[in-house]
Amino acid sequence: MEHQRPDGNLQPLEILVWKWDNISMDFVTHFPRTFRGHDTIWVIVDRLTKSAHFLAMNLRMSIAKLA
């Protein structure tokens, strides 16, 4: 195909060893506000075990407080 890049070599995925050493995070936003003012869910997933934590948050929470 003339509009595609040439195929490259396949790169093996890293083999994970320790739980919670490699995580992914995402925010699910714009829920109706709860009684405590939460309108966002912070999703943290361990990539090895696929275990997840779901934390209720406020969309306006500062980055410094999240850290």
Protein backbone atom coordinates (compact mmCIF):
# COMPACT_ATOMS: atom_id res chain seq x y z
CA MET A 1 0.00 0.00 0.00
CA GLU A 2 1.36 3.38 -0.92
CA HIS A 3 -0.10 5.29 2.08
CA GLN A 4 1.23 3.01 4.82
CA ARG A 5 4.56 2.86 6.57
CA PRO A 6 6.71 -0.16 5.81
CA ASP A 7 6.39 -2.98 8.33
CA GLY A 8 8.96 -2.95 11.13
CA ASN A 9 10.38 -5.64 13.35
CA LEU A 10 8.15 -6.95 16.12
CA GLN A 11 9.21 -5.92 19.60
CA PRO A 12 8.55 -8.36 22.47
CA LEU A 13 6.45 -7.10 25.36
CA GLU A 14 8.13 -6.67 28.72
CA ILE A 15 7.54 -9.65 31.05
CA LEU A 16 6.13 -8.29 34.29
CA VAL A 17 7.34 -9.79 37.58
CA TRP A 18 6.11 -7.73 40.54
CA LYS A 19 2.55 -6.74 41.40
CA TRP A 20 1.83 -3.00 41.25
CA ASP A 21 5.22 -2.33 39.62
CA ASN A 22 3.59 -1.40 36.31
CA ILE A 23 0.19 0.30 36.45
CA SER A 24 -2.17 2.16 34.18
CA MET A 25 -4.47 4.98 35.29
CA ASP A 26 -7.49 6.70 33.83
CA PHE A 27 -10.20 9.12 34.90
CA VAL A 28 -13.92 8.60 34.18
CA THR A 29 -15.52 12.01 34.48
CA HIS A 30 -18.76 14.00 34.42
CA PHE A 31 -20.91 11.77 36.60
CA PRO A 32 -23.76 13.39 38.53
CA ARG A 33 -22.32 14.88 41.74
CA THR A 34 -22.78 12.75 44.87
CA PHE A 35 -23.74 13.98 48.33
CA ARG A 36 -20.02 14.28 49.18
CA GLY A 37 -19.26 16.19 45.97
CA HIS A 38 -17.64 13.37 43.98
CA ASP A 39 -18.21 13.45 40.21
CA THR A 40 -15.18 11.50 38.90
CA ILE A 41 -13.76 7.98 39.27
CA TRP A 42 -9.99 7.47 39.23
CA VAL A 43 -9.25 3.97 37.91
CA ILE A 44 -5.85 2.42 38.73
CA VAL A 45 -5.10 -1.03 37.22
CA ASP A 46 -2.18 -3.36 37.93
CA ARG A 47 -1.07 -4.60 34.52
CA LEU A 48 0.22 -7.96 35.85
CA THR A 49 -2.76 -9.17 37.89
CA LYS A 50 -5.44 -6.92 36.34
CA SER A 51 -6.45 -5.89 39.86
CA ALA A 52 -8.10 -2.48 39.97
CA HIS A 53 -8.81 0.30 42.43
CA PHE A 54 -11.71 2.69 41.84
CA LEU A 55 -11.43 5.97 43.77
CA ALA A 56 -14.23 8.53 43.98
CA MET A 57 -12.87 12.01 43.29
CA ASN A 58 -13.87 15.56 42.54
CA LEU A 59 -13.01 16.74 39.02
CA ARG A 60 -11.74 20.05 40.42
CA MET A 61 -9.20 18.39 42.75
CA SER A 62 -5.71 19.79 42.30
CA ILE A 63 -2.86 17.76 40.83
CA ALA A 64 -0.78 18.41 43.96
CA LYS A 65 -3.48 16.80 46.11
CA LEU A 66 -3.70 13.78 43.78
CA ALA A 67 0.06 13.25 43.96
